[in-house]
C-alpha atoms as a PDB file:
ATOM      1  CA  MET A   1      -6.846  -7.271  12.286  1.00  0.00           C
ATOM      2  CA  SER A   2      -3.669  -5.273  11.815  1.00  0.00           C
ATOM      3  CA  SER A   3      -3.683  -1.658  12.965  1.00  0.00           C
ATOM      4  CA  ILE A   4      -0.957  -0.809  10.462  1.00  0.00           C
ATOM      5  CA  VAL A   5      -1.564  -1.457   6.689  1.00  0.00           C
ATOM      6  CA  TYR A   6       0.699  -0.736   3.758  1.00  0.00           C
ATOM      7  CA  LYS A   7       0.467   0.610   0.207  1.00  0.00           C
ATOM      8  CA  ILE A   8       3.090   0.057  -2.507  1.00  0.00           C
ATOM      9  CA  VAL A   9       2.984   2.931  -4.961  1.00  0.00           C
ATOM     10  CA  PRO A  10       5.175   4.404  -7.596  1.00  0.00           C
ATOM     11  CA  ALA A  11       6.884   7.505  -6.183  1.00  0.00           C
ATOM     12  CA  THR A  12       5.694   9.663  -9.003  1.00  0.00           C
ATOM     13  CA  VAL A  13       2.060   8.677  -8.401  1.00  0.00           C
ATOM     14  CA  TRP A  14       2.442   9.467  -4.690  1.00  0.00           C
ATOM     15  CA  GLN A  15       4.177  12.781  -5.250  1.00  0.00           C
ATOM     16  CA  ASP A  16       1.371  13.897  -7.608  1.00  0.00           C
ATOM     17  CA  ALA A  17      -1.269  12.950  -4.976  1.00  0.00           C
ATOM     18  CA  ARG A  18       0.629  14.829  -2.304  1.00  0.00           C
ATOM     19  CA  GLU A  19       0.708  17.914  -4.574  1.00  0.00           C
ATOM     20  CA  ARG A  20      -3.030  17.535  -5.196  1.00  0.00           C
ATOM     21  CA  GLY A  21      -3.700  16.879  -1.538  1.00  0.00           C
ATOM     22  CA  GLU A  22      -5.554  13.656  -2.150  1.00  0.00           C
ATOM     23  CA  PHE A  23      -4.612  10.110  -2.949  1.00  0.00           C
ATOM     24  CA  LYS A  24      -7.353   8.290  -4.866  1.00  0.00           C
ATOM     25  CA  GLY A  25      -5.207   5.339  -5.715  1.00  0.00           C
ATOM     26  CA  ALA A  26      -2.976   4.058  -8.452  1.00  0.00           C
ATOM     27  CA  SER A  27      -4.411   2.871 -11.852  1.00  0.00           C
ATOM     28  CA  ILE A  28      -5.431  -0.524 -10.594  1.00  0.00           C
ATOM     29  CA  ASP A  29      -7.158   0.999  -7.603  1.00  0.00           C
ATOM     30  CA  LEU A  30      -9.098   3.399  -9.793  1.00  0.00           C
ATOM     31  CA  THR A  31     -10.140   0.528 -12.072  1.00  0.00           C
ATOM     32  CA  ASP A  32     -11.155  -1.745  -9.199  1.00  0.00           C
ATOM     33  CA  GLY A  33     -13.005   1.008  -7.246  1.00  0.00           C
ATOM     34  CA  PHE A  34     -10.884   0.756  -4.010  1.00  0.00           C
ATOM     35  CA  ILE A  35      -7.340   1.221  -2.856  1.00  0.00           C
ATOM     36  CA  HIS A  36      -5.508  -2.089  -2.566  1.00  0.00           C
ATOM     37  CA  LEU A  37      -3.558  -2.359   0.737  1.00  0.00           C
ATOM     38  CA  SER A  38      -1.562  -5.142   2.474  1.00  0.00           C
ATOM     39  CA  THR A  39      -0.896  -6.209   5.980  1.00  0.00           C
ATOM     40  CA  ALA A  40       2.816  -6.582   6.985  1.00  0.00           C
ATOM     41  CA  ALA A  41       2.510 -10.319   6.392  1.00  0.00           C
ATOM     42  CA  GLN A  42       1.226  -9.685   2.823  1.00  0.00           C
ATOM     43  CA  ALA A  43       3.404  -6.756   1.639  1.00  0.00           C
ATOM     44  CA  ILE A  44       6.471  -8.735   0.542  1.00  0.00           C
ATOM     45  CA  GLU A  45       4.396 -11.196  -1.581  1.00  0.00           C
ATOM     46  CA  THR A  46       2.383  -8.323  -3.044  1.00  0.00           C
ATOM     47  CA  ALA A  47       5.651  -6.570  -4.101  1.00  0.00           C
ATOM     48  CA  ALA A  48       7.001  -9.821  -5.632  1.00  0.00           C
ATOM     49  CA  ARG A  49       3.807 -10.666  -7.405  1.00  0.00           C
ATOM     50  CA  TYR A  50       2.778  -7.272  -8.775  1.00  0.00           C
ATOM     51  CA  PHE A  51       5.855  -5.091  -8.736  1.00  0.00           C
ATOM     52  CA  ALA A  52       8.709  -7.554  -9.481  1.00  0.00           C
ATOM     53  CA  GLY A  53      11.881  -5.699 -10.331  1.00  0.00           C
ATOM     54  CA  GLN A  54      10.119  -2.322 -10.529  1.00  0.00           C
ATOM     55  CA  GLU A  55      12.292   0.619  -9.427  1.00  0.00           C
ATOM     56  CA  GLY A  56      10.979   3.901  -8.036  1.00  0.00           C
ATOM     57  CA  LEU A  57       8.491   2.600  -5.622  1.00  0.00           C
ATOM     58  CA  LEU A  58       7.465   3.779  -2.147  1.00  0.00           C
ATOM     59  CA  LEU A  59       6.206   1.810   0.793  1.00  0.00           C
ATOM     60  CA  ILE A  60       3.541   3.797   2.697  1.00  0.00           C
ATOM     61  CA  ALA A  61       2.618   2.779   6.301  1.00  0.00           C
ATOM     62  CA  ILE A  62      -0.873   3.738   7.179  1.00  0.00           C
ATOM     63  CA  LYS A  63      -2.703   3.767  10.547  1.00  0.00           C
ATOM     64  CA  GLY A  64      -5.664   1.489   9.865  1.00  0.00           C
ATOM     65  CA  GLU A  65      -7.775   2.799  12.754  1.00  0.00           C
ATOM     66  CA  LYS A  66      -7.699   6.276  11.139  1.00  0.00           C
ATOM     67  CA  LEU A  67      -9.481   4.930   8.073  1.00  0.00           C
ATOM     68  CA  GLY A  68     -12.625   4.068   9.941  1.00  0.00           C
ATOM     69  CA  ASP A  69     -15.326   1.886   8.344  1.00  0.00           C
ATOM     70  CA  LYS A  70     -14.030   2.642   4.869  1.00  0.00           C
ATOM     71  CA  LEU A  71     -11.233   0.124   5.479  1.00  0.00           C
ATOM     72  CA  VAL A  72     -12.720  -3.324   4.791  1.00  0.00           C
ATOM     73  CA  PHE A  73     -10.923  -6.683   5.056  1.00  0.00           C
ATOM     74  CA  GLU A  74     -12.035  -8.886   2.107  1.00  0.00           C
ATOM     75  CA  THR A  75     -11.131 -12.341   1.062  1.00  0.00           C
ATOM     76  CA  SER A  76      -8.653 -12.251  -1.725  1.00  0.00           C
ATOM     77  CA  ARG A  77      -5.420 -14.016  -2.774  1.00  0.00           C
ATOM     78  CA  GLY A  78      -5.282 -17.567  -1.304  1.00  0.00           C
ATOM     79  CA  GLY A  79      -8.442 -16.908   0.769  1.00  0.00           C
ATOM     80  CA  ALA A  80      -6.678 -14.389   3.053  1.00  0.00           C
ATOM     81  CA  PRO A  81      -8.394 -11.264   4.180  1.00  0.00           C
ATOM     82  CA  PHE A  82      -6.843  -8.254   2.503  1.00  0.00           C
ATOM     83  CA  PRO A  83      -7.434  -4.622   3.466  1.00  0.00           C
ATOM     84  CA  HIS A  84      -9.253  -2.537   0.914  1.00  0.00           C
ATOM     85  CA  LEU A  85      -9.887   1.234   1.294  1.00  0.00           C
ATOM     86  CA  TYR A  86     -13.249   2.374  -0.184  1.00  0.00           C
ATOM     87  CA  ALA A  87     -12.336   6.082  -0.028  1.00  0.00           C
ATOM     88  CA  SER A  88      -9.480   8.431  -0.794  1.00  0.00           C
ATOM     89  CA  LEU A  89      -6.548   8.004   1.547  1.00  0.00           C
ATOM     90  CA  ASP A  90      -6.386  10.772   4.141  1.00  0.00           C
ATOM     91  CA  PHE A  91      -2.710  11.850   4.479  1.00  0.00           C
ATOM     92  CA  ASP A  92      -3.236  12.304   8.186  1.00  0.00           C
ATOM     93  CA  ALA A  93      -3.445   8.491   8.429  1.00  0.00           C
ATOM     94  CA  VAL A  94       0.028   8.066   6.996  1.00  0.00           C
ATOM     95  CA  LEU A  95       2.727   7.015   9.526  1.00  0.00           C
ATOM     96  CA  TRP A  96       5.631   7.103   7.121  1.00  0.00           C
ATOM     97  CA  GLU A  97       6.781   6.880   3.511  1.00  0.00           C
ATOM     98  CA  LYS A  98       9.975   4.977   2.597  1.00  0.00           C
ATOM     99  CA  PRO A  99      11.715   4.032  -0.622  1.00  0.00           C
ATOM    100  CA  LEU A 100      11.266   0.388  -1.629  1.00  0.00           C
ATOM    101  CA  PRO A 101      14.544  -0.348  -3.501  1.00  0.00           C
ATOM    102  CA  VAL A 102      15.346  -3.426  -5.534  1.00  0.00           C
ATOM    103  CA  GLY A 103      18.136  -5.563  -4.083  1.00  0.00           C
ATOM    104  CA  VAL A 104      20.810  -7.295  -6.029  1.00  0.00           C
ATOM    105  CA  ASP A 105      18.726 -10.463  -6.063  1.00  0.00           C
ATOM    106  CA  GLY A 106      15.931  -8.538  -7.874  1.00  0.00           C
ATOM    107  CA  ALA A 107      13.643  -8.613  -4.835  1.00  0.00           C
ATOM    108  CA  HIS A 108      12.498  -5.477  -2.990  1.00  0.00           C
ATOM    109  CA  VAL A 109      14.364  -4.559   0.161  1.00  0.00           C
ATOM    110  CA  PHE A 110      11.741  -3.920   2.896  1.00  0.00           C
ATOM    111  CA  PRO A 111      12.269  -1.894   6.014  1.00  0.00           C
ATOM    112  CA  GLU A 112      11.117  -3.523   9.261  1.00  0.00           C
ATOM    113  CA  LEU A 113       7.280  -3.744   9.214  1.00  0.00           C
ATOM    114  CA  ALA A 114       5.039  -3.477  12.208  1.00  0.00           C
ATOM    115  CA  ALA A 115       1.913  -5.591  12.310  1.00  0.00           C
END
């Protein structure tokens, strides 16, 4: 599976987590009991499906191998294996954080994603 996974999160939620020193997830993650992540191949569809037109988002790149056995790939949308984190996200596993702006066509503009 991919060694880099991605999280789409409102910048305000991420900033609050940074200040607290711990990211337990966004509201959907807290409800579901795990942090929803995406592979590079899944991130664009995730943004379109769950964050359409939403401004103020960040794309977080995470080193999957740093998450250990708490990172589990489980069958989800369309039968594809999606990465789910059953723990708080350790900021040491974060490669980078980048804004995820909305383009003129209403779709999010992604940076180049590594698999």
